[in-house]
Structure formats: C-alpha cells, structure tokens
PDB file of all heavy atoms in Angstrom:
ATOM      1  N   VAL A   1      26.735  10.061  65.456  1.00  0.00           N
ATOM      2  CA  VAL A   1      27.908  10.785  64.982  1.00  0.00           C
ATOM      3  C   VAL A   1      27.632  12.270  65.187  1.00  0.00           C
ATOM      4  O   VAL A   1      26.607  12.779  64.746  1.00  0.00           O
ATOM      5  CB  VAL A   1      28.165  10.506  63.483  1.00  0.00           C
ATOM      6  CG1 VAL A   1      29.354  11.300  62.980  1.00  0.00           C
ATOM      7  CG2 VAL A   1      28.351   9.021  63.240  1.00  0.00           C
ATOM      8  N   VAL A   2      28.538  12.946  65.886  1.00  0.00           N
ATOM      9  CA  VAL A   2      28.373  14.371  66.147  1.00  0.00           C
ATOM     10  C   VAL A   2      29.400  15.147  65.344  1.00  0.00           C
ATOM     11  O   VAL A   2      30.599  14.871  65.424  1.00  0.00           O
ATOM     12  CB  VAL A   2      28.533  14.693  67.650  1.00  0.00           C
ATOM     13  CG1 VAL A   2      28.488  16.198  67.890  1.00  0.00           C
ATOM     14  CG2 VAL A   2      27.466  13.983  68.457  1.00  0.00           C
ATOM     15  N   GLY A   3      28.915  16.084  64.573  1.00  0.00           N
ATOM     16  CA  GLY A   3      29.769  17.049  63.888  1.00  0.00           C
ATOM     17  C   GLY A   3      29.774  18.312  64.719  1.00  0.00           C
ATOM     18  O   GLY A   3      28.757  19.010  64.811  1.00  0.00           O
ATOM     19  N   ALA A   4      30.895  18.625  65.352  1.00  0.00           N
ATOM     20  CA  ALA A   4      30.977  19.702  66.345  1.00  0.00           C
ATOM     21  C   ALA A   4      31.434  21.028  65.766  1.00  0.00           C
ATOM     22  O   ALA A   4      32.061  21.819  66.440  1.00  0.00           O
ATOM     23  CB  ALA A   4      31.901  19.273  67.475  1.00  0.00           C
ATOM     24  N   GLY A   5      31.133  21.276  64.512  1.00  0.00           N
ATOM     25  CA  GLY A   5      31.585  22.508  63.880  1.00  0.00           C
ATOM     26  C   GLY A   5      32.871  22.255  63.112  1.00  0.00           C
ATOM     27  O   GLY A   5      33.093  21.165  62.602  1.00  0.00           O
ATOM     28  N   TRP A   6      33.732  23.245  63.077  1.00  0.00           N
ATOM     29  CA  TRP A   6      34.962  23.109  62.290  1.00  0.00           C
ATOM     30  C   TRP A   6      36.118  22.535  63.083  1.00  0.00           C
ATOM     31  O   TRP A   6      37.182  22.298  62.544  1.00  0.00           O
ATOM     32  CB  TRP A   6      35.346  24.448  61.678  1.00  0.00           C
ATOM     33  CG  TRP A   6      34.412  24.774  60.578  1.00  0.00           C
ATOM     34  CD1 TRP A   6      33.369  25.655  60.612  1.00  0.00           C
ATOM     35  CD2 TRP A   6      34.363  24.171  59.281  1.00  0.00           C
ATOM     36  NE1 TRP A   6      32.691  25.636  59.427  1.00  0.00           N
ATOM     37  CE2 TRP A   6      33.277  24.742  58.591  1.00  0.00           C
ATOM     38  CE3 TRP A   6      35.130  23.202  58.644  1.00  0.00           C
ATOM     39  CZ2 TRP A   6      32.948  24.377  57.283  1.00  0.00           C
ATOM     40  CZ3 TRP A   6      34.800  22.839  57.347  1.00  0.00           C
ATOM     41  CH2 TRP A   6      33.728  23.431  56.675  1.00  0.00           C
ATOM     42  N   GLN A   7      35.914  22.320  64.364  1.00  0.00           N
ATOM     43  CA  GLN A   7      36.964  21.670  65.141  1.00  0.00           C
ATOM     44  C   GLN A   7      36.335  20.670  66.091  1.00  0.00           C
ATOM     45  O   GLN A   7      35.235  20.876  66.580  1.00  0.00           O
ATOM     46  CB  GLN A   7      37.820  22.678  65.890  1.00  0.00           C
ATOM     47  CG  GLN A   7      37.051  23.671  66.718  1.00  0.00           C
ATOM     48  CD  GLN A   7      37.983  24.707  67.285  1.00  0.00           C
ATOM     49  OE1 GLN A   7      39.052  24.375  67.782  1.00  0.00           O
ATOM     50  NE2 GLN A   7      37.588  25.959  67.247  1.00  0.00           N
ATOM     51  N   SER A   8      37.034  19.608  66.318  1.00  0.00           N
ATOM     52  CA  SER A   8      36.527  18.560  67.201  1.00  0.00           C
ATOM     53  C   SER A   8      36.536  19.053  68.638  1.00  0.00           C
ATOM     54  O   SER A   8      37.383  19.851  69.024  1.00  0.00           O
ATOM     55  CB  SER A   8      37.393  17.308  67.050  1.00  0.00           C
ATOM     56  OG  SER A   8      36.799  16.236  67.698  1.00  0.00           O
ATOM     57  N   ARG A   9      35.573  18.591  69.420  1.00  0.00           N
ATOM     58  CA  ARG A   9      35.482  18.952  70.835  1.00  0.00           C
ATOM     59  C   ARG A   9      35.371  17.670  71.648  1.00  0.00           C
ATOM     60  O   ARG A   9      34.928  16.647  71.140  1.00  0.00           O
ATOM     61  CB  ARG A   9      34.243  19.787  71.098  1.00  0.00           C
ATOM     62  CG  ARG A   9      34.173  21.046  70.286  1.00  0.00           C
ATOM     63  CD  ARG A   9      32.865  21.746  70.493  1.00  0.00           C
ATOM     64  NE  ARG A   9      32.702  22.751  69.448  1.00  0.00           N
ATOM     65  CZ  ARG A   9      31.712  23.583  69.374  1.00  0.00           C
ATOM     66  NH1 ARG A   9      30.770  23.562  70.278  1.00  0.00           N
ATOM     67  NH2 ARG A   9      31.654  24.458  68.406  1.00  0.00           N
ATOM     68  N   LEU A  10      35.735  17.755  72.896  1.00  0.00           N
ATOM     69  CA  LEU A  10      35.547  16.613  73.778  1.00  0.00           C
ATOM     70  C   LEU A  10      34.099  16.591  74.246  1.00  0.00           C
ATOM     71  O   LEU A  10      33.554  17.627  74.651  1.00  0.00           O
ATOM     72  CB  LEU A  10      36.473  16.700  74.988  1.00  0.00           C
ATOM     73  CG  LEU A  10      37.954  16.508  74.686  1.00  0.00           C
ATOM     74  CD1 LEU A  10      38.765  16.729  75.953  1.00  0.00           C
ATOM     75  CD2 LEU A  10      38.204  15.122  74.125  1.00  0.00           C
ATOM     76  N   PRO A  11      33.456  15.431  74.206  1.00  0.00           N
ATOM     77  CA  PRO A  11      32.070  15.346  74.672  1.00  0.00           C
ATOM     78  C   PRO A  11      32.011  15.348  76.189  1.00  0.00           C
ATOM     79  O   PRO A  11      32.978  14.982  76.855  1.00  0.00           O
ATOM     80  CB  PRO A  11      31.605  13.997  74.115  1.00  0.00           C
ATOM     81  CG  PRO A  11      32.853  13.193  74.020  1.00  0.00           C
ATOM     82  CD  PRO A  11      33.955  14.168  73.688  1.00  0.00           C
ATOM     83  N   PRO A  12      30.880  15.754  76.741  1.00  0.00           N
ATOM     84  CA  PRO A  12      30.721  15.673  78.198  1.00  0.00           C
ATOM     85  C   PRO A  12      30.860  14.226  78.662  1.00  0.00           C
ATOM     86  O   PRO A  12      30.308  13.306  78.053  1.00  0.00           O
ATOM     87  CB  PRO A  12      29.299  16.189  78.434  1.00  0.00           C
ATOM     88  CG  PRO A  12      28.955  16.963  77.207  1.00  0.00           C
ATOM     89  CD  PRO A  12      29.719  16.326  76.084  1.00  0.00           C
ATOM     90  N   ARG A  13      31.594  14.047  79.720  1.00  0.00           N
ATOM     91  CA  ARG A  13      31.877  12.707  80.238  1.00  0.00           C
ATOM     92  C   ARG A  13      30.602  11.934  80.599  1.00  0.00           C
ATOM     93  O   ARG A  13      30.485  10.754  80.307  1.00  0.00           O
ATOM     94  CB  ARG A  13      32.786  12.852  81.451  1.00  0.00           C
ATOM     95  CG  ARG A  13      33.320  11.593  81.973  1.00  0.00           C
ATOM     96  CD  ARG A  13      34.258  11.907  83.127  1.00  0.00           C
ATOM     97  NE  ARG A  13      34.762  10.660  83.634  1.00  0.00           N
ATOM     98  CZ  ARG A  13      36.020  10.400  83.830  1.00  0.00           C
ATOM     99  NH1 ARG A  13      36.923  11.317  83.596  1.00  0.00           N
ATOM    100  NH2 ARG A  13      36.398   9.242  84.282  1.00  0.00           N
ATOM    101  N   ASP A  14      29.638  12.629  81.222  1.00  0.00           N
ATOM    102  CA  ASP A  14      28.402  11.951  81.613  1.00  0.00           C
ATOM    103  C   ASP A  14      27.609  11.470  80.400  1.00  0.00           C
ATOM    104  O   ASP A  14      26.970  10.419  80.445  1.00  0.00           O
ATOM    105  CB  ASP A  14      27.543  12.831  82.517  1.00  0.00           C
ATOM    106  CG  ASP A  14      27.177  14.163  81.890  1.00  0.00           C
ATOM    107  OD1 ASP A  14      27.939  14.677  81.054  1.00  0.00           O
ATOM    108  OD2 ASP A  14      26.113  14.704  82.254  1.00  0.00           O
ATOM    109  N   LEU A  15      27.677  12.207  79.294  1.00  0.00           N
ATOM    110  CA  LEU A  15      27.009  11.766  78.064  1.00  0.00           C
ATOM    111  C   LEU A  15      27.663  10.503  77.524  1.00  0.00           C
ATOM    112  O   LEU A  15      26.971   9.560  77.118  1.00  0.00           O
ATOM    113  CB  LEU A  15      27.033  12.870  77.008  1.00  0.00           C
ATOM    114  CG  LEU A  15      26.472  12.491  75.641  1.00  0.00           C
ATOM    115  CD1 LEU A  15      25.007  12.059  75.743  1.00  0.00           C
ATOM    116  CD2 LEU A  15      26.635  13.652  74.666  1.00  0.00           C
ATOM    117  N   MET A  16      28.980  10.446  77.549  1.00  0.00           N
ATOM    118  CA  MET A  16      29.689   9.254  77.076  1.00  0.00           C
ATOM    119  C   MET A  16      29.291   8.018  77.893  1.00  0.00           C
ATOM    120  O   MET A  16      29.019   6.962  77.334  1.00  0.00           O
ATOM    121  CB  MET A  16      31.205   9.452  77.169  1.00  0.00           C
ATOM    122  CG  MET A  16      31.746  10.524  76.251  1.00  0.00           C
ATOM    123  SD  MET A  16      31.589  10.086  74.520  1.00  0.00           S
ATOM    124  CE  MET A  16      32.649   8.693  74.431  1.00  0.00           C
ATOM    125  N   PHE A  17      29.230   8.171  79.213  1.00  0.00           N
ATOM    126  CA  PHE A  17      28.847   7.051  80.074  1.00  0.00           C
ATOM    127  C   PHE A  17      27.396   6.643  79.842  1.00  0.00           C
ATOM    128  O   PHE A  17      27.068   5.459  79.807  1.00  0.00           O
ATOM    129  CB  PHE A  17      29.084   7.382  81.549  1.00  0.00           C
ATOM    130  CG  PHE A  17      30.536   7.458  81.926  1.00  0.00           C
ATOM    131  CD1 PHE A  17      31.004   8.497  82.715  1.00  0.00           C
ATOM    132  CD2 PHE A  17      31.446   6.501  81.491  1.00  0.00           C
ATOM    133  CE1 PHE A  17      32.348   8.575  83.061  1.00  0.00           C
ATOM    134  CE2 PHE A  17      32.782   6.566  81.840  1.00  0.00           C
ATOM    135  CZ  PHE A  17      33.235   7.603  82.623  1.00  0.00           C
ATOM    136  N   ARG A  18      26.533   7.625  79.695  1.00  0.00           N
ATOM    137  CA  ARG A  18      25.116   7.330  79.453  1.00  0.00           C
ATOM    138  C   ARG A  18      24.928   6.527  78.172  1.00  0.00           C
ATOM    139  O   ARG A  18      24.207   5.528  78.139  1.00  0.00           O
ATOM    140  CB  ARG A  18      24.325   8.627  79.391  1.00  0.00           C
ATOM    141  CG  ARG A  18      22.861   8.405  79.115  1.00  0.00           C
ATOM    142  CD  ARG A  18      22.113   9.699  79.072  1.00  0.00           C
ATOM    143  NE  ARG A  18      20.722   9.457  78.719  1.00  0.00           N
ATOM    144  CZ  ARG A  18      19.914  10.388  78.292  1.00  0.00           C
ATOM    145  NH1 ARG A  18      20.319  11.639  78.181  1.00  0.00           N
ATOM    146  NH2 ARG A  18      18.673  10.096  77.983  1.00  0.00           N
ATOM    147  N   LEU A  19      25.562   6.975  77.094  1.00  0.00           N
ATOM    148  CA  LEU A  19      25.432   6.273  75.819  1.00  0.00           C
ATOM    149  C   LEU A  19      26.028   4.870  75.891  1.00  0.00           C
ATOM    150  O   LEU A  19      25.481   3.930  75.322  1.00  0.00           O
ATOM    151  CB  LEU A  19      26.070   7.088  74.686  1.00  0.00           C
ATOM    152  CG  LEU A  19      25.323   8.381  74.358  1.00  0.00           C
ATOM    153  CD1 LEU A  19      26.163   9.252  73.430  1.00  0.00           C
ATOM    154  CD2 LEU A  19      23.968   8.093  73.744  1.00  0.00           C
ATOM    155  N   ALA A  20      27.119   4.718  76.620  1.00  0.00           N
ATOM    156  CA  ALA A  20      27.722   3.394  76.791  1.00  0.00           C
ATOM    157  C   ALA A  20      26.754   2.470  77.530  1.00  0.00           C
ATOM    158  O   ALA A  20      26.577   1.311  77.139  1.00  0.00           O
ATOM    159  CB  ALA A  20      29.044   3.499  77.550  1.00  0.00           C
ATOM    160  N   ARG A  21      26.109   2.983  78.577  1.00  0.00           N
ATOM    161  CA  ARG A  21      25.119   2.174  79.312  1.00  0.00           C
ATOM    162  C   ARG A  21      23.943   1.791  78.416  1.00  0.00           C
ATOM    163  O   ARG A  21      23.379   0.712  78.558  1.00  0.00           O
ATOM    164  CB  ARG A  21      24.608   2.928  80.534  1.00  0.00           C
ATOM    165  CG  ARG A  21      25.572   2.986  81.691  1.00  0.00           C
ATOM    166  CD  ARG A  21      24.928   3.523  82.957  1.00  0.00           C
ATOM    167  NE  ARG A  21      24.300   4.824  82.791  1.00  0.00           N
ATOM    168  CZ  ARG A  21      24.909   6.002  82.930  1.00  0.00           C
ATOM    169  NH1 ARG A  21      26.199   6.043  83.238  1.00  0.00           N
ATOM    170  NH2 ARG A  21      24.254   7.129  82.784  1.00  0.00           N
ATOM    171  N   GLU A  22      23.576   2.668  77.502  1.00  0.00           N
ATOM    172  CA  GLU A  22      22.451   2.419  76.583  1.00  0.00           C
ATOM    173  C   GLU A  22      22.860   1.524  75.408  1.00  0.00           C
ATOM    174  O   GLU A  22      22.010   1.120  74.615  1.00  0.00           O
ATOM    175  CB  GLU A  22      21.903   3.744  76.039  1.00  0.00           C
ATOM    176  CG  GLU A  22      21.332   4.667  77.087  1.00  0.00           C
ATOM    177  CD  GLU A  22      19.953   4.261  77.551  1.00  0.00           C
ATOM    178  OE1 GLU A  22      19.291   3.449  76.869  1.00  0.00           O
ATOM    179  OE2 GLU A  22      19.525   4.754  78.604  1.00  0.00           O
ATOM    180  N   GLY A  23      24.160   1.273  75.260  1.00  0.00           N
ATOM    181  CA  GLY A  23      24.638   0.460  74.142  1.00  0.00           C
ATOM    182  C   GLY A  23      24.631   1.194  72.814  1.00  0.00           C
ATOM    183  O   GLY A  23      24.535   0.583  71.754  1.00  0.00           O
ATOM    184  N   ILE A  24      24.755   2.515  72.868  1.00  0.00           N
ATOM    185  CA  ILE A  24      24.756   3.341  71.660  1.00  0.00           C
ATOM    186  C   ILE A  24      26.172   3.850  71.423  1.00  0.00           C
ATOM    187  O   ILE A  24      26.767   4.490  72.300  1.00  0.00           O
ATOM    188  CB  ILE A  24      23.779   4.528  71.806  1.00  0.00           C
ATOM    189  CG1 ILE A  24      22.345   4.014  72.001  1.00  0.00           C
ATOM    190  CG2 ILE A  24      23.869   5.452  70.591  1.00  0.00           C
ATOM    191  CD1 ILE A  24      21.334   5.087  72.344  1.00  0.00           C
ATOM    192  N   GLY A  25      26.699   3.579  70.238  1.00  0.00           N
ATOM    193  CA  GLY A  25      28.023   4.078  69.885  1.00  0.00           C
ATOM    194  C   GLY A  25      28.002   5.586  69.721  1.00  0.00           C
ATOM    195  O   GLY A  25      26.960   6.179  69.421  1.00  0.00           O
ATOM    196  N   PHE A  26      29.151   6.221  69.893  1.00  0.00           N
ATOM    197  CA  PHE A  26      29.219   7.678  69.853  1.00  0.00           C
ATOM    198  C   PHE A  26      30.567   8.102  69.306  1.00  0.00           C
ATOM    199  O   PHE A  26      31.603   7.635  69.773  1.00  0.00           O
ATOM    200  CB  PHE A  26      29.028   8.220  71.277  1.00  0.00           C
ATOM    201  CG  PHE A  26      28.976   9.714  71.368  1.00  0.00           C
ATOM    202  CD1 PHE A  26      27.838  10.405  71.003  1.00  0.00           C
ATOM    203  CD2 PHE A  26      30.064  10.423  71.844  1.00  0.00           C
ATOM    204  CE1 PHE A  26      27.783  11.791  71.114  1.00  0.00           C
ATOM    205  CE2 PHE A  26      30.023  11.796  71.953  1.00  0.00           C
ATOM    206  CZ  PHE A  26      28.877  12.489  71.590  1.00  0.00           C
ATOM    207  N   GLU A  27      30.532   8.969  68.315  1.00  0.00           N
ATOM    208  CA  GLU A  27      31.757   9.532  67.745  1.00  0.00           C
ATOM    209  C   GLU A  27      31.570  11.028  67.607  1.00  0.00           C
ATOM    210  O   GLU A  27      30.510  11.487  67.175  1.00  0.00           O
ATOM    211  CB  GLU A  27      32.046   8.930  66.365  1.00  0.00           C
ATOM    212  CG  GLU A  27      32.332   7.452  66.366  1.00  0.00           C
ATOM    213  CD  GLU A  27      33.653   7.099  67.022  1.00  0.00           C
ATOM    214  OE1 GLU A  27      34.582   7.932  67.029  1.00  0.00           O
ATOM    215  OE2 GLU A  27      33.750   5.988  67.554  1.00  0.00           O
ATOM    216  N   ILE A  28      32.596  11.797  67.962  1.00  0.00           N
ATOM    217  CA  ILE A  28      32.544  13.250  67.801  1.00  0.00           C
ATOM    218  C   ILE A  28      33.749  13.684  66.982  1.00  0.00           C
ATOM    219  O   ILE A  28      34.856  13.193  67.190  1.00  0.00           O
ATOM    220  CB  ILE A  28      32.463  13.966  69.161  1.00  0.00           C
ATOM    221  CG1 ILE A  28      32.178  15.449  68.983  1.00  0.00           C
ATOM    222  CG2 ILE A  28      33.683  13.711  69.988  1.00  0.00           C
ATOM    223  CD1 ILE A  28      31.731  16.154  70.252  1.00  0.00           C
ATOM    224  N   MET A  29      33.492  14.544  66.015  1.00  0.00           N
ATOM    225  CA  MET A  29      34.536  15.010  65.096  1.00  0.00           C
ATOM    226  C   MET A  29      34.088  16.327  64.489  1.00  0.00           C
ATOM    227  O   MET A  29      32.994  16.803  64.801  1.00  0.00           O
ATOM    228  CB  MET A  29      34.793  13.952  64.016  1.00  0.00           C
ATOM    229  CG  MET A  29      33.559  13.590  63.230  1.00  0.00           C
ATOM    230  SD  MET A  29      33.651  12.011  62.336  1.00  0.00           S
ATOM    231  CE  MET A  29      33.523  10.825  63.659  1.00  0.00           C
ATOM    232  N   ASP A  30      34.905  16.910  63.618  1.00  0.00           N
ATOM    233  CA  ASP A  30      34.445  18.131  62.964  1.00  0.00           C
ATOM    234  C   ASP A  30      33.299  17.784  62.008  1.00  0.00           C
ATOM    235  O   ASP A  30      33.117  16.636  61.618  1.00  0.00           O
ATOM    236  CB  ASP A  30      35.597  18.865  62.265  1.00  0.00           C
ATOM    237  CG  ASP A  30      36.224  18.087  61.132  1.00  0.00           C
ATOM    238  OD1 ASP A  30      35.508  17.712  60.180  1.00  0.00           O
ATOM    239  OD2 ASP A  30      37.450  17.867  61.174  1.00  0.00           O
ATOM    240  N   THR A  31      32.497  18.780  61.672  1.00  0.00           N
ATOM    241  CA  THR A  31      31.284  18.535  60.887  1.00  0.00           C
ATOM    242  C   THR A  31      31.554  17.933  59.515  1.00  0.00           C
ATOM    243  O   THR A  31      30.846  16.991  59.119  1.00  0.00           O
ATOM    244  CB  THR A  31      30.441  19.821  60.795  1.00  0.00           C
ATOM    245  OG1 THR A  31      30.040  20.175  62.141  1.00  0.00           O
ATOM    246  CG2 THR A  31      29.195  19.627  59.954  1.00  0.00           C
ATOM    247  N   PRO A  32      32.550  18.390  58.743  1.00  0.00           N
ATOM    248  CA  PRO A  32      32.785  17.735  57.448  1.00  0.00           C
ATOM    249  C   PRO A  32      33.100  16.240  57.590  1.00  0.00           C
ATOM    250  O   PRO A  32      32.588  15.415  56.834  1.00  0.00           O
ATOM    251  CB  PRO A  32      33.973  18.511  56.861  1.00  0.00           C
ATOM    252  CG  PRO A  32      33.874  19.871  57.485  1.00  0.00           C
ATOM    253  CD  PRO A  32      33.382  19.607  58.886  1.00  0.00           C
ATOM    254  N   ALA A  33      33.915  15.875  58.585  1.00  0.00           N
ATOM    255  CA  ALA A  33      34.232  14.463  58.810  1.00  0.00           C
ATOM    256  C   ALA A  33      32.993  13.693  59.259  1.00  0.00           C
ATOM    257  O   ALA A  33      32.780  12.547  58.860  1.00  0.00           O
ATOM    258  CB  ALA A  33      35.350  14.324  59.841  1.00  0.00           C
ATOM    259  N   ALA A  34      32.154  14.320  60.080  1.00  0.00           N
ATOM    260  CA  ALA A  34      30.929  13.662  60.542  1.00  0.00           C
ATOM    261  C   ALA A  34      29.985  13.395  59.373  1.00  0.00           C
ATOM    262  O   ALA A  34      29.344  12.340  59.323  1.00  0.00           O
ATOM    263  CB  ALA A  34      30.241  14.515  61.598  1.00  0.00           C
ATOM    264  N   CYS A  35      29.889  14.324  58.442  1.00  0.00           N
ATOM    265  CA  CYS A  35      29.049  14.112  57.252  1.00  0.00           C
ATOM    266  C   CYS A  35      29.546  12.915  56.449  1.00  0.00           C
ATOM    267  O   CYS A  35      28.756  12.051  56.053  1.00  0.00           O
ATOM    268  CB  CYS A  35      29.032  15.360  56.373  1.00  0.00           C
ATOM    269  SG  CYS A  35      28.142  16.746  57.089  1.00  0.00           S
ATOM    270  N   ARG A  36      30.844  12.843  56.246  1.00  0.00           N
ATOM    271  CA  ARG A  36      31.410  11.714  55.497  1.00  0.00           C
ATOM    272  C   ARG A  36      31.177  10.398  56.234  1.00  0.00           C
ATOM    273  O   ARG A  36      30.756   9.394  55.638  1.00  0.00           O
ATOM    274  CB  ARG A  36      32.906  11.931  55.257  1.00  0.00           C
ATOM    275  CG  ARG A  36      33.220  13.066  54.298  1.00  0.00           C
ATOM    276  CD  ARG A  36      34.704  13.118  53.939  1.00  0.00           C
ATOM    277  NE  ARG A  36      35.563  13.327  55.098  1.00  0.00           N
ATOM    278  CZ  ARG A  36      35.924  14.510  55.575  1.00  0.00           C
ATOM    279  NH1 ARG A  36      35.479  15.621  55.008  1.00  0.00           N
ATOM    280  NH2 ARG A  36      36.737  14.598  56.605  1.00  0.00           N
ATOM    281  N   THR A  37      31.412  10.400  57.537  1.00  0.00           N
ATOM    282  CA  THR A  37      31.231   9.191  58.342  1.00  0.00           C
ATOM    283  C   THR A  37      29.773   8.742  58.339  1.00  0.00           C
ATOM    284  O   THR A  37      29.471   7.555  58.172  1.00  0.00           O
ATOM    285  CB  THR A  37      31.713   9.433  59.785  1.00  0.00           C
ATOM    286  OG1 THR A  37      33.101   9.802  59.751  1.00  0.00           O
ATOM    287  CG2 THR A  37      31.531   8.199  60.653  1.00  0.00           C
ATOM    288  N   PHE A  38      28.855   9.682  58.520  1.00  0.00           N
ATOM    289  CA  PHE A  38      27.432   9.358  58.502  1.00  0.00           C
ATOM    290  C   PHE A  38      27.033   8.744  57.164  1.00  0.00           C
ATOM    291  O   PHE A  38      26.333   7.724  57.126  1.00  0.00           O
ATOM    292  CB  PHE A  38      26.605  10.619  58.784  1.00  0.00           C
ATOM    293  CG  PHE A  38      25.124  10.390  58.728  1.00  0.00           C
ATOM    294  CD1 PHE A  38      24.470   9.742  59.757  1.00  0.00           C
ATOM    295  CD2 PHE A  38      24.373  10.831  57.648  1.00  0.00           C
ATOM    296  CE1 PHE A  38      23.097   9.530  59.711  1.00  0.00           C
ATOM    297  CE2 PHE A  38      23.011  10.624  57.587  1.00  0.00           C
ATOM    298  CZ  PHE A  38      22.375   9.975  58.626  1.00  0.00           C
ATOM    299  N   ASN A  39      27.491   9.319  56.067  1.00  0.00           N
ATOM    300  CA  ASN A  39      27.158   8.777  54.743  1.00  0.00           C
ATOM    301  C   ASN A  39      27.683   7.352  54.570  1.00  0.00           C
ATOM    302  O   ASN A  39      26.995   6.498  54.007  1.00  0.00           O
ATOM    303  CB  ASN A  39      27.698   9.686  53.637  1.00  0.00           C
ATOM    304  CG  ASN A  39      26.882  10.944  53.484  1.00  0.00           C
ATOM    305  OD1 ASN A  39      25.704  10.982  53.809  1.00  0.00           O
ATOM    306  ND2 ASN A  39      27.521  11.991  53.007  1.00  0.00           N
ATOM    307  N   ILE A  40      28.880   7.097  55.057  1.00  0.00           N
ATOM    308  CA  ILE A  40      29.440   5.741  54.967  1.00  0.00           C
ATOM    309  C   ILE A  40      28.601   4.766  55.792  1.00  0.00           C
ATOM    310  O   ILE A  40      28.251   3.686  55.321  1.00  0.00           O
ATOM    311  CB  ILE A  40      30.917   5.723  55.422  1.00  0.00           C
ATOM    312  CG1 ILE A  40      31.784   6.445  54.388  1.00  0.00           C
ATOM    313  CG2 ILE A  40      31.403   4.293  55.640  1.00  0.00           C
ATOM    314  CD1 ILE A  40      33.192   6.746  54.866  1.00  0.00           C
TER     315      ILE A  40
END
C-alpha cells in the first residue's frame, strides 16, 4: 500500500507490471487513506 502524500498519484506502469508478475498486490492512494488501509 503506497501513501503518495496528500493526493493520489498514478504509479509507474513498469512497476505495476513488475508487481503483477511477482504476484504482489499494489494500491496507491493518499497517505491518510493508505494508513487506514494498512491498519485494516
């Protein structure tokens, strides 16, 4: 889970593909939402 500061950003496309190949889920959002998501 990536908290990208106070506003969500699009992740680099190559990173998304790499993580998909590795079988690792990936979510990017603003940092407060990422903190809540990580805790859950």
